[in-house]
Every structure is written in C-alpha cells, then in structure tokens.
Amino acid sequence: MELKEQLKEIKTQLRLAMNGAVSQSMREKGLLYKLNFGVELPRIKQIAASYEKSHTLAQALWKEEVRESKILATLLQPIESFPPEIADIWMEEIHTIEIAEQACMNLFQHLPYAPALAFRWIADEREYTQVCGFLIIARLLMHKGDMSERAGNEYLDQAVCAFLSGSYHVRNAVMASLRRFMAHSEGNAFHVCRRVDGFKDSPSENEKLLYRLVAEEVAPADTEE
C-alpha cells in the first residue's frame, strides 16, 4: 500500500473512532491540539498494530498537526532509523504533556542512545525538552537499572535545579525520576535526602515542596520495624 493510501486509511479509522466528549474533556484540562479526534489510547494502539513499523509513515504522521497522528508516529517509528538529529526535531514539536509522555514511553526510552539523549535534554531550559529528559531517565531506571556514581551526581544536580526553577510539568517529571532513583538503593535515597535536607525551613516554597515530597518518599522505609 502506498503512503498516501495508508494515510487516508488511517484518517478514516480515526474519524470512525472519534469521541467528541473525550476531545472536549481534554480541551477543558488544557490539552490543546490543532485537531483532536478524541480517540482513546487503546484504540490508537489497535490501529498502530495493524501496520508494520515504517520510518516513512511515521515521519508523515508526525508532520500532521493531529493528536492521534503524532501518537501513532511514536508507535510506528523504527528505532534503527531514528538518529539523534531527528529526535531533536521531534522534540521541538512537542507542546503537550500527553505527547511528551507517549513519545517517551513508545519511542525515546528504547533508543540505543537514550541515556545520552536524556542527560542532554535535562540540561536544556525548554520546558518539554526537560520533561522528556526526566521521563526517559525514570523509564530507564525502571527497566535498565541504576546509573553510575558520576552520572548519578550529575543527574541529581540537574534534577534539583530543574525542580526549583521549572514548571509544574517539569517538577512532576523530576519527581517521577527521583522516585525511581531513590528506589534503587538506600545509598541513592541517602544522597537525595542529604541534597535537600537544608530545604526543610527554607523561605523558598519550591525548596520546601521538594523537601516534603522527598520526605514522603522515604517515610515508609523509615517507619518500618
């Protein structure tokens, strides 16, 4: 099937599965897209499963300003034909937390250069670039194991800095990664606690918030007999 036919077929399936109530709910929650059919994620995954992964198809879908097309692109893009240069291009076109989460879960975390990409992105000042960087780290920690001491120190410095100066979505992504980092070892948890210990009575609301969130994470372990 030619690319144009595939795109036409996919659009037909999306229109048939469109859900106005879901689309309206997303708008009310601040998830704004140029076009949003409101198709639920399980159905999007079903549509993706009926096609073989294809760089050409994924790139064409990504270029469309349609929520479902971008999610499908993250599901259909082969990792072997997705160099860092294209990852950066896609990153510049991510403007909602949903697409950031889907791209990290479906594609970015599986890239062979994912660790280097994540560390480069968490050092970036753009909101969703940082979000994706920390979400990738959270997923790598969950599936691939812990990081080296040197990498851990660099990550922790960036995480604290991003949490204190970042947006709501950045703070959530930082905490998602910190939870995974602390869960790997008592040593990691100790380093995080030591890093934020001085924030307990800080005049900065963000510093106090970070202290409380970290304390909540380690509290269950501290209360065990």
C-alpha atoms as a PDB file:
ATOM      1  CA  MET A   1       0.000   0.000   0.000  1.00  0.00           C
ATOM      2  CA  GLU A   2       1.374   3.434  -0.919  1.00  0.00           C
ATOM      3  CA  LEU A   3       1.958   6.120   1.694  1.00  0.00           C
ATOM      4  CA  LYS A   4      -0.979   8.276   0.566  1.00  0.00           C
ATOM      5  CA  GLU A   5      -3.309   5.308   0.780  1.00  0.00           C
ATOM      6  CA  GLN A   6      -2.039   4.406   4.246  1.00  0.00           C
ATOM      7  CA  LEU A   7      -2.562   7.953   5.497  1.00  0.00           C
ATOM      8  CA  LYS A   8      -6.055   8.085   4.006  1.00  0.00           C
ATOM      9  CA  GLU A   9      -6.946   4.748   5.584  1.00  0.00           C
ATOM     10  CA  ILE A  10      -5.634   5.837   8.990  1.00  0.00           C
ATOM     11  CA  LYS A  11      -7.589   9.102   8.863  1.00  0.00           C
ATOM     12  CA  THR A  12     -10.740   7.162   8.042  1.00  0.00           C
ATOM     13  CA  GLN A  13     -10.205   4.884  11.034  1.00  0.00           C
ATOM     14  CA  LEU A  14      -9.595   7.874  13.292  1.00  0.00           C
ATOM     15  CA  ARG A  15     -12.784   9.590  12.153  1.00  0.00           C
ATOM     16  CA  LEU A  16     -14.791   6.433  12.742  1.00  0.00           C
ATOM     17  CA  ALA A  17     -13.383   6.187  16.269  1.00  0.00           C
ATOM     18  CA  MET A  18     -13.657   9.882  17.129  1.00  0.00           C
ATOM     19  CA  ASN A  19     -15.102  10.796  20.517  1.00  0.00           C
ATOM     20  CA  GLY A  20     -16.261  14.368  20.936  1.00  0.00           C
ATOM     21  CA  ALA A  21     -16.737  14.051  24.700  1.00  0.00           C
ATOM     22  CA  VAL A  22     -13.129  12.942  25.213  1.00  0.00           C
ATOM     23  CA  SER A  23     -11.854  15.717  22.954  1.00  0.00           C
ATOM     24  CA  GLN A  24     -13.862  18.327  24.878  1.00  0.00           C
ATOM     25  CA  SER A  25     -12.615  16.963  28.202  1.00  0.00           C
ATOM     26  CA  MET A  26      -9.010  17.272  27.015  1.00  0.00           C
ATOM     27  CA  ARG A  27      -9.567  20.886  25.967  1.00  0.00           C
ATOM     28  CA  GLU A  28     -11.014  21.671  29.384  1.00  0.00           C
ATOM     29  CA  LYS A  29      -7.915  20.140  31.002  1.00  0.00           C
ATOM     30  CA  GLY A  30      -5.601  22.301  28.902  1.00  0.00           C
ATOM     31  CA  LEU A  31      -4.552  19.661  26.339  1.00  0.00           C
ATOM     32  CA  LEU A  32      -4.830  21.844  23.262  1.00  0.00           C
ATOM     33  CA  TYR A  33      -4.286  20.459  19.771  1.00  0.00           C
ATOM     34  CA  LYS A  34      -4.904  21.915  16.339  1.00  0.00           C
ATOM     35  CA  LEU A  35      -7.039  18.824  15.651  1.00  0.00           C
ATOM     36  CA  ASN A  36      -8.079  16.210  18.210  1.00  0.00           C
ATOM     37  CA  PHE A  37     -10.463  13.375  17.356  1.00  0.00           C
ATOM     38  CA  GLY A  38     -10.644  12.290  20.984  1.00  0.00           C
ATOM     39  CA  VAL A  39      -9.728   8.702  20.093  1.00  0.00           C
ATOM     40  CA  GLU A  40      -8.802   6.777  23.228  1.00  0.00           C
ATOM     41  CA  LEU A  41      -5.298   5.346  23.588  1.00  0.00           C
ATOM     42  CA  PRO A  42      -6.256   1.634  23.403  1.00  0.00           C
ATOM     43  CA  ARG A  43      -7.921   2.238  20.033  1.00  0.00           C
ATOM     44  CA  ILE A  44      -4.918   4.204  18.773  1.00  0.00           C
ATOM     45  CA  LYS A  45      -2.697   1.271  19.716  1.00  0.00           C
ATOM     46  CA  GLN A  46      -5.032  -1.107  17.893  1.00  0.00           C
ATOM     47  CA  ILE A  47      -4.755   0.989  14.745  1.00  0.00           C
ATOM     48  CA  ALA A  48      -0.953   1.085  15.038  1.00  0.00           C
ATOM     49  CA  ALA A  49      -0.826  -2.696  15.474  1.00  0.00           C
ATOM     50  CA  SER A  50      -2.385  -3.180  12.041  1.00  0.00           C
ATOM     51  CA  TYR A  51       0.611  -1.550  10.311  1.00  0.00           C
ATOM     52  CA  GLU A  52       4.266  -2.525  10.127  1.00  0.00           C
ATOM     53  CA  LYS A  53       6.703  -0.046  11.614  1.00  0.00           C
ATOM     54  CA  SER A  54       7.805   2.373   8.938  1.00  0.00           C
ATOM     55  CA  HIS A  55      10.075   5.412   9.062  1.00  0.00           C
ATOM     56  CA  THR A  56       8.326   6.997   6.091  1.00  0.00           C
ATOM     57  CA  LEU A  57       4.842   6.505   7.521  1.00  0.00           C
ATOM     58  CA  ALA A  58       5.842   7.641  10.998  1.00  0.00           C
ATOM     59  CA  GLN A  59       7.506  10.794   9.691  1.00  0.00           C
ATOM     60  CA  ALA A  60       4.439  11.646   7.619  1.00  0.00           C
ATOM     61  CA  LEU A  61       2.146  11.127  10.591  1.00  0.00           C
ATOM     62  CA  TRP A  62       4.334  13.219  12.875  1.00  0.00           C
ATOM     63  CA  LYS A  63       4.186  16.180  10.495  1.00  0.00           C
ATOM     64  CA  GLU A  64       0.416  16.326  10.779  1.00  0.00           C
ATOM     65  CA  GLU A  65      -0.932  18.640  13.468  1.00  0.00           C
ATOM     66  CA  VAL A  66      -3.266  15.949  14.743  1.00  0.00           C
ATOM     67  CA  ARG A  67      -3.099  14.446  18.239  1.00  0.00           C
ATOM     68  CA  GLU A  68      -3.753  10.888  17.147  1.00  0.00           C
ATOM     69  CA  SER A  69      -1.343  11.089  14.212  1.00  0.00           C
ATOM     70  CA  LYS A  70       1.520  12.133  16.473  1.00  0.00           C
ATOM     71  CA  ILE A  71       0.818   9.315  18.932  1.00  0.00           C
ATOM     72  CA  LEU A  72       0.665   6.835  16.051  1.00  0.00           C
ATOM     73  CA  ALA A  73       4.017   8.175  14.816  1.00  0.00           C
ATOM     74  CA  THR A  74       5.645   7.334  18.151  1.00  0.00           C
ATOM     75  CA  LEU A  75       4.277   3.797  17.888  1.00  0.00           C
ATOM     76  CA  LEU A  76       5.282   3.218  14.260  1.00  0.00           C
ATOM     77  CA  GLN A  77       8.751   4.801  14.133  1.00  0.00           C
ATOM     78  CA  PRO A  78      11.547   2.157  13.964  1.00  0.00           C
ATOM     79  CA  ILE A  79      14.360   2.942  16.395  1.00  0.00           C
ATOM     80  CA  GLU A  80      17.076   1.974  13.913  1.00  0.00           C
ATOM     81  CA  SER A  81      16.142   4.834  11.569  1.00  0.00           C
ATOM     82  CA  PHE A  82      15.729   7.492  14.249  1.00  0.00           C
ATOM     83  CA  PRO A  83      19.076   9.285  14.794  1.00  0.00           C
ATOM     84  CA  PRO A  84      19.573  11.992  17.459  1.00  0.00           C
ATOM     85  CA  GLU A  85      19.108  14.731  14.877  1.00  0.00           C
ATOM     86  CA  ILE A  86      15.546  13.614  14.174  1.00  0.00           C
ATOM     87  CA  ALA A  87      14.869  13.122  17.888  1.00  0.00           C
ATOM     88  CA  ASP A  88      15.766  16.784  18.430  1.00  0.00           C
ATOM     89  CA  ILE A  89      13.464  17.852  15.579  1.00  0.00           C
ATOM     90  CA  TRP A  90      10.565  15.883  17.040  1.00  0.00           C
ATOM     91  CA  MET A  91      11.332  17.288  20.482  1.00  0.00           C
ATOM     92  CA  GLU A  92      10.941  20.849  19.221  1.00  0.00           C
ATOM     93  CA  GLU A  93       7.437  19.977  18.041  1.00  0.00           C
ATOM     94  CA  ILE A  94       6.167  18.563  21.350  1.00  0.00           C
ATOM     95  CA  HIS A  95       3.847  21.052  23.024  1.00  0.00           C
ATOM     96  CA  THR A  96       1.617  18.969  25.320  1.00  0.00           C
ATOM     97  CA  ILE A  97       2.355  16.726  28.272  1.00  0.00           C
ATOM     98  CA  GLU A  98       0.397  13.855  26.659  1.00  0.00           C
ATOM     99  CA  ILE A  99       2.588  13.759  23.546  1.00  0.00           C
ATOM    100  CA  ALA A 100       5.699  14.082  25.728  1.00  0.00           C
ATOM    101  CA  GLU A 101       4.636  11.070  27.793  1.00  0.00           C
ATOM    102  CA  GLN A 102       3.655   8.994  24.758  1.00  0.00           C
ATOM    103  CA  ALA A 103       6.882   9.780  22.891  1.00  0.00           C
ATOM    104  CA  CYS A 104       8.995   8.799  25.919  1.00  0.00           C
ATOM    105  CA  MET A 105       7.052   5.608  26.576  1.00  0.00           C
ATOM    106  CA  ASN A 106       6.664   4.408  22.988  1.00  0.00           C
ATOM    107  CA  LEU A 107       9.908   5.566  21.389  1.00  0.00           C
ATOM    108  CA  PHE A 108      12.515   7.663  23.203  1.00  0.00           C
ATOM    109  CA  GLN A 109      13.266   5.241  26.044  1.00  0.00           C
ATOM    110  CA  HIS A 110      14.027   2.441  23.563  1.00  0.00           C
ATOM    111  CA  LEU A 111      16.633   4.355  21.549  1.00  0.00           C
ATOM    112  CA  PRO A 112      20.189   2.977  21.861  1.00  0.00           C
ATOM    113  CA  TYR A 113      21.427   6.456  22.734  1.00  0.00           C
ATOM    114  CA  ALA A 114      18.581   7.174  25.201  1.00  0.00           C
ATOM    115  CA  PRO A 115      20.833   7.811  28.260  1.00  0.00           C
ATOM    116  CA  ALA A 116      22.958  10.413  26.468  1.00  0.00           C
ATOM    117  CA  LEU A 117      19.846  11.984  24.962  1.00  0.00           C
ATOM    118  CA  ALA A 118      18.160  12.227  28.357  1.00  0.00           C
ATOM    119  CA  PHE A 119      21.142  13.878  30.021  1.00  0.00           C
ATOM    120  CA  ARG A 120      21.415  16.399  27.199  1.00  0.00           C
ATOM    121  CA  TRP A 121      17.722  17.211  27.390  1.00  0.00           C
ATOM    122  CA  ILE A 122      17.548  17.655  31.177  1.00  0.00           C
ATOM    123  CA  ALA A 123      20.233  20.330  30.838  1.00  0.00           C
ATOM    124  CA  ASP A 124      18.055  22.219  28.342  1.00  0.00           C
ATOM    125  CA  GLU A 125      15.963  25.141  29.578  1.00  0.00           C
ATOM    126  CA  ARG A 126      12.919  24.436  27.381  1.00  0.00           C
ATOM    127  CA  GLU A 127      10.000  23.032  29.330  1.00  0.00           C
ATOM    128  CA  TYR A 128       9.034  19.941  27.372  1.00  0.00           C
ATOM    129  CA  THR A 129      12.639  19.127  26.498  1.00  0.00           C
ATOM    130  CA  GLN A 130      13.383  18.888  30.219  1.00  0.00           C
ATOM    131  CA  VAL A 131      10.161  16.968  30.803  1.00  0.00           C
ATOM    132  CA  CYS A 132      11.105  14.343  28.228  1.00  0.00           C
ATOM    133  CA  GLY A 133      14.648  14.094  29.574  1.00  0.00           C
ATOM    134  CA  PHE A 134      13.481  13.302  33.093  1.00  0.00           C
ATOM    135  CA  LEU A 135      10.720  10.965  31.895  1.00  0.00           C
ATOM    136  CA  ILE A 136      13.275   8.996  29.861  1.00  0.00           C
ATOM    137  CA  ILE A 137      15.522   8.715  32.930  1.00  0.00           C
ATOM    138  CA  ALA A 138      12.584   7.491  35.012  1.00  0.00           C
ATOM    139  CA  ARG A 139      11.851   4.770  32.474  1.00  0.00           C
ATOM    140  CA  LEU A 140      15.497   3.773  32.089  1.00  0.00           C
ATOM    141  CA  LEU A 141      15.812   3.456  35.856  1.00  0.00           C
ATOM    142  CA  MET A 142      12.690   1.320  35.897  1.00  0.00           C
ATOM    143  CA  HIS A 143      13.725  -1.033  33.098  1.00  0.00           C
ATOM    144  CA  LYS A 144      17.520  -0.833  32.725  1.00  0.00           C
ATOM    145  CA  GLY A 145      18.823  -0.474  36.267  1.00  0.00           C
ATOM    146  CA  ASP A 146      20.779   2.124  38.228  1.00  0.00           C
ATOM    147  CA  MET A 147      23.323   4.645  36.897  1.00  0.00           C
ATOM    148  CA  SER A 148      26.980   5.137  37.777  1.00  0.00           C
ATOM    149  CA  GLU A 149      28.003   7.333  40.717  1.00  0.00           C
ATOM    150  CA  ARG A 150      29.278  10.071  38.425  1.00  0.00           C
ATOM    151  CA  ALA A 151      26.122  10.035  36.325  1.00  0.00           C
ATOM    152  CA  GLY A 152      24.017   9.931  39.486  1.00  0.00           C
ATOM    153  CA  ASN A 153      25.678  13.054  40.860  1.00  0.00           C
ATOM    154  CA  GLU A 154      25.190  14.908  37.586  1.00  0.00           C
ATOM    155  CA  TYR A 155      21.579  13.784  37.375  1.00  0.00           C
ATOM    156  CA  LEU A 156      20.830  14.821  40.960  1.00  0.00           C
ATOM    157  CA  ASP A 157      22.289  18.307  40.440  1.00  0.00           C
ATOM    158  CA  GLN A 158      20.185  18.788  37.317  1.00  0.00           C
ATOM    159  CA  ALA A 159      17.065  17.346  38.970  1.00  0.00           C
ATOM    160  CA  VAL A 160      17.193  19.711  41.946  1.00  0.00           C
ATOM    161  CA  CYS A 161      17.915  22.714  39.733  1.00  0.00           C
ATOM    162  CA  ALA A 162      15.092  21.851  37.329  1.00  0.00           C
ATOM    163  CA  PHE A 163      12.595  21.261  40.138  1.00  0.00           C
ATOM    164  CA  LEU A 164      13.354  24.598  41.784  1.00  0.00           C
ATOM    165  CA  SER A 165      13.161  26.636  38.595  1.00  0.00           C
ATOM    166  CA  GLY A 166      10.866  24.578  36.365  1.00  0.00           C
ATOM    167  CA  SER A 167       7.166  24.473  35.596  1.00  0.00           C
ATOM    168  CA  TYR A 168       4.506  22.196  37.073  1.00  0.00           C
ATOM    169  CA  HIS A 169       5.123  19.554  34.386  1.00  0.00           C
ATOM    170  CA  VAL A 170       8.899  19.740  34.873  1.00  0.00           C
ATOM    171  CA  ARG A 171       8.521  19.248  38.632  1.00  0.00           C
ATOM    172  CA  ASN A 172       6.281  16.219  38.096  1.00  0.00           C
ATOM    173  CA  ALA A 173       8.785  14.685  35.659  1.00  0.00           C
ATOM    174  CA  VAL A 174      11.648  15.338  38.069  1.00  0.00           C
ATOM    175  CA  MET A 175       9.772  13.617  40.892  1.00  0.00           C
ATOM    176  CA  ALA A 176       8.939  10.643  38.667  1.00  0.00           C
ATOM    177  CA  SER A 177      12.653  10.159  38.050  1.00  0.00           C
ATOM    178  CA  LEU A 178      13.665  10.828  41.670  1.00  0.00           C
ATOM    179  CA  ARG A 179      11.260   8.147  42.905  1.00  0.00           C
ATOM    180  CA  ARG A 180      12.881   5.593  40.598  1.00  0.00           C
ATOM    181  CA  PHE A 181      16.371   6.774  41.528  1.00  0.00           C
ATOM    182  CA  MET A 182      15.733   6.508  45.285  1.00  0.00           C
ATOM    183  CA  ALA A 183      14.016   3.136  44.918  1.00  0.00           C
ATOM    184  CA  HIS A 184      17.172   1.552  43.502  1.00  0.00           C
ATOM    185  CA  SER A 185      19.232   1.717  46.682  1.00  0.00           C
ATOM    186  CA  GLU A 186      19.458   3.105  50.178  1.00  0.00           C
ATOM    187  CA  GLY A 187      22.572   4.917  49.001  1.00  0.00           C
ATOM    188  CA  ASN A 188      20.645   6.784  46.332  1.00  0.00           C
ATOM    189  CA  ALA A 189      17.895   7.665  48.796  1.00  0.00           C
ATOM    190  CA  PHE A 190      20.505   8.892  51.269  1.00  0.00           C
ATOM    191  CA  HIS A 191      22.151  11.149  48.663  1.00  0.00           C
ATOM    192  CA  VAL A 192      18.810  12.681  47.693  1.00  0.00           C
ATOM    193  CA  CYS A 193      17.843  13.265  51.320  1.00  0.00           C
ATOM    194  CA  ARG A 194      21.203  14.841  52.071  1.00  0.00           C
ATOM    195  CA  ARG A 195      20.883  17.069  48.995  1.00  0.00           C
ATOM    196  CA  VAL A 196      17.511  18.513  50.091  1.00  0.00           C
ATOM    197  CA  ASP A 197      17.977  18.437  53.871  1.00  0.00           C
ATOM    198  CA  GLY A 198      18.674  22.163  54.048  1.00  0.00           C
ATOM    199  CA  PHE A 199      15.384  22.962  52.320  1.00  0.00           C
ATOM    200  CA  LYS A 200      13.169  21.993  55.270  1.00  0.00           C
ATOM    201  CA  ASP A 201      12.842  25.525  56.666  1.00  0.00           C
ATOM    202  CA  SER A 202      13.748  27.404  53.503  1.00  0.00           C
ATOM    203  CA  PRO A 203      11.939  30.663  52.645  1.00  0.00           C
ATOM    204  CA  SER A 204      11.544  29.266  49.106  1.00  0.00           C
ATOM    205  CA  GLU A 205       8.235  27.482  48.598  1.00  0.00           C
ATOM    206  CA  ASN A 206       9.708  25.275  45.860  1.00  0.00           C
ATOM    207  CA  GLU A 207      12.582  24.191  48.115  1.00  0.00           C
ATOM    208  CA  LYS A 208      10.177  23.322  50.931  1.00  0.00           C
ATOM    209  CA  LEU A 209       7.947  21.465  48.469  1.00  0.00           C
ATOM    210  CA  LEU A 210      10.868  19.382  47.198  1.00  0.00           C
ATOM    211  CA  TYR A 211      11.873  18.577  50.781  1.00  0.00           C
ATOM    212  CA  ARG A 212       8.329  17.430  51.635  1.00  0.00           C
ATOM    213  CA  LEU A 213       7.983  15.279  48.529  1.00  0.00           C
ATOM    214  CA  VAL A 214      11.312  13.554  49.136  1.00  0.00           C
ATOM    215  CA  ALA A 215      10.435  13.062  52.820  1.00  0.00           C
ATOM    216  CA  GLU A 216       7.149  11.442  51.813  1.00  0.00           C
ATOM    217  CA  GLU A 217       9.019   9.000  49.597  1.00  0.00           C
ATOM    218  CA  VAL A 218      11.398   7.835  52.302  1.00  0.00           C
ATOM    219  CA  ALA A 219       8.909   7.971  55.197  1.00  0.00           C
ATOM    220  CA  PRO A 220       7.526   4.417  54.689  1.00  0.00           C
ATOM    221  CA  ALA A 221      11.042   2.965  54.852  1.00  0.00           C
ATOM    222  CA  ASP A 222      11.839   4.998  57.970  1.00  0.00           C
ATOM    223  CA  THR A 223       8.778   3.705  59.819  1.00  0.00           C
ATOM    224  CA  GLU A 224       9.371   0.003  59.142  1.00  0.00           C
ATOM    225  CA  GLU A 225      10.387  -2.047  62.156  1.00  0.00           C
END
